[in-house]
Amino acid sequence: MFRGTNVLNKSLGQHFLKDESLAERIVQAMDIRPGMQVLEIGPGAGALTRLIARVEGVGFRAVEIDGPRVTDLEKEFPGLKGKILRGDILECDPPWEGKFSIIGNFPYNISSQILLRVLEWRDQVDRVVGMFQKEVAQRVVAAPGRKSYGILSVLVQAFFGAEYLFDVPPESFTPPPRVMSGVIRLKGNDNPFGVENMERFTRLVKTSFGQRRKILRNPARGLFDPVVLEEEIFTRRPEQLTIREFADLSKRMQFYE
């Protein structure tokens, strides 16, 4: 177990995983093998880092925003010196030019933003195993028609297969959060729905779910020709549309510019 400083930075919303068996399950879910490149986001107290460091032949890097944590991790794992970078994952560049995987106990206050970052790197990221607040994790994997189906569901599943793996109770952390957590796995699936323009697609999805209780015609009124808006699909609510339907509609937007 990592024995660095136990001082928490409350401004960063830190909750460190202390259950070693759960840490092992998370790393096992990544199926790390020699030759892989793995980026850990927010290593914190090193619960996952120490397990990844044991696998030989893996290109490893981590991004940690908390400076003292970087220092402590380098002391605990001298072999990783120079590979644990101090920085903000929402501002840094991809750590490699080729394909890589992402793992982490993601800070809950920016977990949705991290997913959007992953989408920006979608051509390089082939797998993600991450821990989120359970409510967010359920939104990511939700299917059409579910109350939790929304912006994150559509945007993430347009490019990644998503599966919910297991719950993580509050007592697995120090200090314990006030919410249940959940671990999900994403696997890159090479744009199976044929999204042609990510900016258009994102605008359509966000605009649609901005008024999720209304039929699609209302929020989409400024994006399509009035004749197109008379089609049956616009009489449905956003959560009733599949990802492919959103992708197809995004190609027909008339007033995007």
Protein backbone atom coordinates (compact mmCIF):
# COMPACT_ATOMS: atom_id res chain seq x y z
CA MET A 1 0.00 0.00 0.00
CA PHE A 2 1.22 3.49 -0.86
CA ARG A 3 2.52 5.32 2.20
CA GLY A 4 2.81 8.91 0.99
CA THR A 5 1.34 11.94 2.66
CA ASN A 6 -2.22 11.55 3.92
CA VAL A 7 -3.02 15.24 3.66
CA LEU A 8 -5.95 15.70 1.32
CA ASN A 9 -6.46 18.67 -0.95
CA LYS A 10 -10.15 19.39 -0.38
CA SER A 11 -10.31 21.81 -3.30
CA LEU A 12 -9.57 18.90 -5.65
CA GLY A 13 -12.31 16.69 -4.22
CA GLN A 14 -9.84 13.92 -3.39
CA HIS A 15 -11.11 10.52 -2.25
CA PHE A 16 -8.39 7.88 -2.26
CA LEU A 17 -9.16 4.24 -2.94
CA LYS A 18 -7.98 2.09 -0.02
CA ASP A 19 -9.56 -1.29 -0.88
CA GLU A 20 -6.74 -3.30 -2.45
CA SER A 21 -9.03 -6.00 -3.85
CA LEU A 22 -11.07 -3.39 -5.70
CA ALA A 23 -7.92 -1.76 -7.03
CA GLU A 24 -6.91 -5.15 -8.42
CA ARG A 25 -10.32 -5.61 -10.05
CA ILE A 26 -10.04 -2.22 -11.75
CA VAL A 27 -6.58 -2.95 -13.14
CA GLN A 28 -7.63 -6.46 -14.20
CA ALA A 29 -10.53 -4.91 -16.14
CA MET A 30 -7.99 -3.04 -18.25
CA ASP A 31 -6.23 -6.33 -19.14
CA ILE A 32 -2.85 -4.61 -19.28
CA ARG A 33 -0.29 -6.44 -21.39
CA PRO A 34 3.32 -5.86 -22.50
CA GLY A 35 3.48 -3.38 -25.35
CA MET A 36 0.48 -1.32 -24.21
CA GLN A 37 0.67 2.38 -23.46
CA VAL A 38 -1.34 3.30 -20.37
CA LEU A 39 -2.19 6.75 -19.04
CA GLU A 40 -3.44 7.00 -15.47
CA ILE A 41 -5.47 10.09 -14.65
CA GLY A 42 -5.23 11.28 -11.05
CA PRO A 43 -3.08 8.56 -9.43
CA GLY A 44 -3.57 10.20 -6.02
CA ALA A 45 -2.24 7.83 -3.35
CA GLY A 46 -1.06 5.25 -5.88
CA ALA A 47 -3.59 2.44 -5.35
CA LEU A 48 -3.73 1.67 -9.08
CA THR A 49 -0.23 2.94 -9.89
CA ARG A 50 1.52 0.32 -7.78
CA LEU A 51 -0.29 -2.47 -9.62
CA ILE A 52 0.35 -1.09 -13.10
CA ALA A 53 4.03 -0.56 -12.25
CA ARG A 54 4.41 -4.31 -11.72
CA VAL A 55 3.59 -5.15 -15.33
CA GLU A 56 6.75 -5.31 -17.39
CA GLY A 57 6.96 -3.93 -20.91
CA VAL A 58 4.21 -1.34 -20.49
CA GLY A 59 4.58 2.29 -21.49
CA PHE A 60 3.19 4.14 -18.47
CA ARG A 61 2.50 7.77 -17.73
CA ALA A 62 0.28 9.51 -15.22
CA VAL A 63 -1.14 13.01 -14.94
CA GLU A 64 -1.62 14.41 -11.43
CA ILE A 65 -2.62 18.00 -10.72
CA ASP A 66 -1.53 17.92 -7.06
CA GLY A 67 2.20 18.73 -6.87
CA PRO A 68 2.91 17.10 -3.47
CA ARG A 69 1.32 13.89 -4.74
CA VAL A 70 3.72 13.80 -7.67
CA THR A 71 6.68 14.11 -5.29
CA ASP A 72 5.37 11.37 -3.00
CA LEU A 73 4.60 9.00 -5.86
CA GLU A 74 8.10 9.40 -7.28
CA LYS A 75 9.55 8.56 -3.86
CA GLU A 76 7.36 5.47 -3.56
CA PHE A 77 7.99 4.35 -7.14
CA PRO A 78 11.50 5.51 -8.16
CA GLY A 79 11.23 3.61 -11.44
CA LEU A 80 8.44 5.94 -12.51
CA LYS A 81 10.39 9.15 -12.01
CA GLY A 82 9.71 11.46 -14.94
CA LYS A 83 6.62 9.49 -15.95
CA ILE A 84 4.27 11.07 -13.40
CA LEU A 85 3.54 14.49 -14.79
CA ARG A 86 2.11 17.39 -12.86
CA GLY A 87 -0.67 18.91 -14.90
CA ASP A 88 -4.35 19.28 -15.64
CA ILE A 89 -5.75 16.49 -17.82
CA LEU A 90 -8.21 18.99 -19.30
CA GLU A 91 -5.34 21.09 -20.66
CA CYS A 92 -2.53 18.67 -21.52
CA ASP A 93 -1.76 17.08 -24.88
CA PRO A 94 -1.95 13.34 -25.57
CA PRO A 95 1.07 11.67 -23.94
CA TRP A 96 1.87 9.59 -27.03
CA GLU A 97 1.39 9.87 -30.77
CA GLY A 98 0.02 6.35 -31.16
CA LYS A 99 -2.75 4.36 -29.48
CA PHE A 100 -3.04 4.32 -25.70
CA SER A 101 -5.45 3.31 -22.94
CA ILE A 102 -6.70 5.35 -19.98
CA ILE A 103 -7.34 4.25 -16.40
CA GLY A 104 -8.19 6.12 -13.26
CA ASN A 105 -10.25 6.90 -10.20
CA PHE A 106 -11.47 10.06 -11.85
CA PRO A 107 -12.11 13.20 -9.77
CA TYR A 108 -15.90 13.36 -9.61
CA ASN A 109 -16.05 17.13 -10.02
CA ILE A 110 -14.54 16.93 -13.52
CA SER A 111 -15.43 13.37 -14.57
CA SER A 112 -17.82 14.47 -17.33
CA GLN A 113 -15.18 16.84 -18.67
CA ILE A 114 -12.66 14.01 -18.67
CA LEU A 115 -15.01 11.99 -20.86
CA LEU A 116 -15.28 14.89 -23.29
CA ARG A 117 -11.47 14.99 -23.32
CA VAL A 118 -11.41 11.30 -24.14
CA LEU A 119 -13.75 12.03 -27.05
CA GLU A 120 -11.31 14.65 -28.33
CA TRP A 121 -8.64 11.93 -28.30
CA ARG A 122 -10.97 9.22 -29.67
CA ASP A 123 -8.71 8.38 -32.61
CA GLN A 124 -5.92 7.43 -30.18
CA VAL A 125 -7.74 6.04 -27.14
CA ASP A 126 -8.63 2.38 -27.56
CA ARG A 127 -9.81 1.59 -24.03
CA VAL A 128 -10.85 3.35 -20.84
CA VAL A 129 -11.45 1.84 -17.40
CA GLY A 130 -12.58 4.47 -14.96
CA MET A 131 -14.36 5.02 -11.68
CA PHE A 132 -17.11 7.61 -11.56
CA GLN A 133 -19.92 8.67 -9.31
CA LYS A 134 -22.45 5.90 -9.93
CA GLU A 135 -25.05 8.28 -11.34
CA VAL A 136 -22.59 9.50 -13.98
CA ALA A 137 -21.44 5.97 -14.78
CA GLN A 138 -25.05 4.92 -15.35
CA ARG A 139 -25.62 7.85 -17.68
CA VAL A 140 -22.61 6.90 -19.79
CA VAL A 141 -23.84 3.32 -20.40
CA ALA A 142 -27.59 4.07 -20.59
CA ALA A 143 -29.64 2.79 -23.52
CA PRO A 144 -32.29 4.80 -25.43
CA GLY A 145 -35.57 5.10 -23.57
CA ARG A 146 -33.99 5.13 -20.11
CA LYS A 147 -34.29 8.20 -17.89
CA SER A 148 -30.51 8.27 -17.52
CA TYR A 149 -30.00 8.30 -21.33
CA GLY A 150 -28.71 11.70 -22.33
CA ILE A 151 -25.83 13.74 -23.71
CA LEU A 152 -23.01 11.62 -22.27
CA SER A 153 -24.74 8.39 -23.34
CA VAL A 154 -25.01 9.46 -26.98
CA LEU A 155 -21.65 11.19 -27.37
CA VAL A 156 -19.62 8.44 -25.69
CA GLN A 157 -21.44 5.47 -27.20
CA ALA A 158 -21.15 6.95 -30.68
CA PHE A 159 -17.45 6.05 -30.52
CA PHE A 160 -17.03 3.57 -27.67
CA GLY A 161 -18.73 0.40 -26.55
CA ALA A 162 -19.68 1.06 -22.93
CA GLU A 163 -20.31 -1.41 -20.11
CA TYR A 164 -20.95 -1.01 -16.40
CA LEU A 165 -18.66 -3.35 -14.47
CA PHE A 166 -19.35 -3.05 -10.73
CA ASP A 167 -20.30 -0.81 -7.81
CA VAL A 168 -17.78 0.63 -5.37
CA PRO A 169 -19.18 1.53 -1.91
CA PRO A 170 -18.17 4.69 -0.02
CA GLU A 171 -16.24 2.75 2.64
CA SER A 172 -13.71 1.72 -0.03
CA PHE A 173 -12.28 5.25 0.08
CA THR A 174 -10.60 7.58 2.50
CA PRO A 175 -12.37 9.81 3.22
CA PRO A 176 -15.60 8.07 2.15
CA PRO A 177 -17.63 10.07 -0.39
CA ARG A 178 -21.33 10.63 0.18
CA VAL A 179 -22.28 8.73 -2.95
CA MET A 180 -21.93 5.27 -4.42
CA SER A 181 -19.32 4.89 -7.14
CA GLY A 182 -19.22 2.72 -10.24
CA VAL A 183 -16.55 1.40 -12.58
CA ILE A 184 -17.16 1.34 -16.33
CA ARG A 185 -15.15 0.16 -19.32
CA LEU A 186 -15.11 1.80 -22.74
CA LYS A 187 -13.75 0.12 -25.85
CA GLY A 188 -13.12 2.08 -29.04
CA ASN A 189 -15.39 0.93 -31.85
CA ASP A 190 -14.24 3.06 -34.80
CA ASN A 191 -17.31 5.26 -35.38
CA PRO A 192 -19.88 2.55 -36.29
CA PHE A 193 -22.71 5.08 -36.64
CA GLY A 194 -20.95 7.14 -39.27
CA VAL A 195 -20.69 10.50 -37.51
CA GLU A 196 -19.25 12.78 -40.19
CA ASN A 197 -18.92 16.07 -38.33
CA MET A 198 -18.29 15.89 -34.59
CA GLU A 199 -19.09 19.55 -34.02
CA ARG A 200 -22.48 19.27 -35.71
CA PHE A 201 -23.26 15.99 -33.99
CA THR A 202 -22.38 17.43 -30.58
CA ARG A 203 -24.44 20.54 -31.16
CA LEU A 204 -27.48 18.50 -32.16
CA VAL A 205 -27.22 16.19 -29.15
CA LYS A 206 -26.70 19.00 -26.64
CA THR A 207 -29.46 21.13 -28.16
CA SER A 208 -31.89 18.21 -28.19
CA PHE A 209 -31.38 17.21 -24.57
CA GLY A 210 -31.47 20.85 -23.49
CA GLN A 211 -35.27 20.43 -23.63
CA ARG A 212 -35.51 16.68 -23.07
CA ARG A 213 -39.14 16.73 -21.91
CA LYS A 214 -40.33 18.26 -25.17
CA ILE A 215 -40.61 16.65 -28.58
CA LEU A 216 -37.50 17.06 -30.70
CA ARG A 217 -39.14 19.59 -33.03
CA ASN A 218 -39.01 22.29 -30.35
CA PRO A 219 -35.28 22.40 -29.51
CA ALA A 220 -34.25 21.50 -33.09
CA ARG A 221 -36.32 24.25 -34.73
CA GLY A 222 -33.33 26.41 -35.55
CA LEU A 223 -31.22 23.57 -36.94
CA PHE A 224 -33.37 22.12 -39.75
CA ASP A 225 -35.43 23.22 -42.72
CA PRO A 226 -39.12 23.61 -41.75
CA VAL A 227 -40.08 20.86 -44.22
CA VAL A 228 -37.68 18.41 -42.55
CA LEU A 229 -39.09 19.31 -39.13
CA GLU A 230 -42.46 17.91 -40.20
CA GLU A 231 -41.07 14.37 -40.33
CA GLU A 232 -42.25 11.84 -37.76
CA ILE A 233 -38.91 11.60 -35.97
CA PHE A 234 -39.31 15.17 -34.70
CA THR A 235 -42.49 14.21 -32.82
CA ARG A 236 -40.45 12.02 -30.46
CA ARG A 237 -38.58 13.07 -27.34
CA PRO A 238 -34.77 13.09 -27.44
CA GLU A 239 -34.38 10.04 -25.17
CA GLN A 240 -36.40 8.01 -27.69
CA LEU A 241 -33.84 8.47 -30.48
CA THR A 242 -31.05 5.99 -31.07
CA ILE A 243 -27.45 7.05 -31.58
CA ARG A 244 -27.68 6.18 -35.26
CA GLU A 245 -30.74 8.43 -35.62
CA PHE A 246 -28.85 11.32 -34.04
CA ALA A 247 -25.90 10.66 -36.35
CA ASP A 248 -28.12 10.57 -39.43
CA LEU A 249 -29.98 13.72 -38.44
CA SER A 250 -26.72 15.60 -37.87
CA LYS A 251 -25.93 15.14 -41.57
CA ARG A 252 -29.15 16.94 -42.51
CA MET A 253 -28.76 20.06 -40.40
CA GLN A 254 -29.44 23.09 -42.60
CA PHE A 255 -28.77 26.08 -40.39
CA TYR A 256 -25.71 24.94 -38.52
CA GLU A 257 -23.41 27.74 -39.67
